[in-house]
Structure formats: C-alpha cells, structure tokens
C-alpha cells in the first residue's frame, strides 16, 4: 500500500490518503498510480 497526505485548501489541515493498495510486487514493478511510481523510484519523498 502507498499512503500520502493532502492539505485542505480551506483549513490547511492534512488528511491521510490511501493512494494505492496491491501486492508488493505490483506496487514496485507496475504501479497503477503515477504518485506511487514517483515514490518507489525516488522522485518523491
């Protein structure tokens, strides 16, 4: 699973967000979400 946070524009509060849930192998080799791919390849975080 890959989690991140989003910041509310109205209140500046952060909320957790489940971006993607799958088998570990799929997350690291063929993620469905670009944000997950950016994280596992080191372009984010």
C-alpha atoms as a PDB file:
ATOM      1  CA  UNK A   1       0.000   0.000   0.000  1.00  0.00           C
ATOM      2  CA  UNK A   2       1.092   3.568  -0.573  1.00  0.00           C
ATOM      3  CA  UNK A   3      -0.218   6.373   1.607  1.00  0.00           C
ATOM      4  CA  UNK A   4       0.343  10.113   1.326  1.00  0.00           C
ATOM      5  CA  UNK A   5      -1.242  13.259   2.731  1.00  0.00           C
ATOM      6  CA  UNK A   6      -3.267  16.027   1.183  1.00  0.00           C
ATOM      7  CA  UNK A   7      -3.568  19.553   2.542  1.00  0.00           C
ATOM      8  CA  UNK A   8      -7.037  21.080   2.658  1.00  0.00           C
ATOM      9  CA  UNK A   9      -7.181  24.431   0.892  1.00  0.00           C
ATOM     10  CA  UNK A  10      -9.849  25.683   3.306  1.00  0.00           C
ATOM     11  CA  UNK A  11      -8.164  24.857   6.612  1.00  0.00           C
ATOM     12  CA  UNK A  12      -4.533  23.851   5.865  1.00  0.00           C
ATOM     13  CA  UNK A  13      -5.236  20.560   7.688  1.00  0.00           C
ATOM     14  CA  UNK A  14      -3.500  17.423   6.456  1.00  0.00           C
ATOM     15  CA  UNK A  15      -5.512  14.288   5.783  1.00  0.00           C
ATOM     16  CA  UNK A  16      -4.153  10.824   5.083  1.00  0.00           C
ATOM     17  CA  UNK A  17      -4.919   9.339   1.681  1.00  0.00           C
ATOM     18  CA  UNK A  18      -4.628   5.731   0.524  1.00  0.00           C
ATOM     19  CA  UNK A  19      -3.221   6.134  -2.980  1.00  0.00           C
ATOM     20  CA  UNK A  20      -2.794   2.515  -3.977  1.00  0.00           C
ATOM     21  CA  UNK A  21      -3.274  -0.939  -2.484  1.00  0.00           C
ATOM     22  CA  UNK A  22      -1.924  -4.062  -4.159  1.00  0.00           C
ATOM     23  CA  UNK A  23       0.608  -6.876  -3.855  1.00  0.00           C
ATOM     24  CA  UNK A  24       4.108  -5.643  -3.051  1.00  0.00           C
ATOM     25  CA  UNK A  25       5.482  -6.930  -6.356  1.00  0.00           C
ATOM     26  CA  UNK A  26       2.889  -4.976  -8.356  1.00  0.00           C
ATOM     27  CA  UNK A  27       3.446  -1.795  -6.327  1.00  0.00           C
ATOM     28  CA  UNK A  28       7.175  -1.866  -7.112  1.00  0.00           C
ATOM     29  CA  UNK A  29       7.117  -3.182 -10.696  1.00  0.00           C
ATOM     30  CA  UNK A  30       3.895  -1.885 -12.234  1.00  0.00           C
ATOM     31  CA  UNK A  31       2.133   0.665 -10.015  1.00  0.00           C
ATOM     32  CA  UNK A  32      -1.280   1.851 -11.188  1.00  0.00           C
ATOM     33  CA  UNK A  33      -0.892   5.406  -9.887  1.00  0.00           C
ATOM     34  CA  UNK A  34       1.782   7.863 -11.019  1.00  0.00           C
ATOM     35  CA  UNK A  35       2.267   9.095  -7.427  1.00  0.00           C
ATOM     36  CA  UNK A  36       3.176   5.561  -6.333  1.00  0.00           C
ATOM     37  CA  UNK A  37       5.651   5.215  -9.195  1.00  0.00           C
ATOM     38  CA  UNK A  38       7.238   8.554  -8.296  1.00  0.00           C
ATOM     39  CA  UNK A  39       7.663   7.419  -4.690  1.00  0.00           C
ATOM     40  CA  UNK A  40       9.123   3.963  -5.363  1.00  0.00           C
ATOM     41  CA  UNK A  41      11.569   5.355  -7.939  1.00  0.00           C
ATOM     42  CA  UNK A  42      12.810   8.090  -5.594  1.00  0.00           C
ATOM     43  CA  UNK A  43      11.272  11.094  -7.346  1.00  0.00           C
ATOM     44  CA  UNK A  44       9.075  11.917  -4.338  1.00  0.00           C
ATOM     45  CA  UNK A  45       9.600  11.670  -0.588  1.00  0.00           C
END
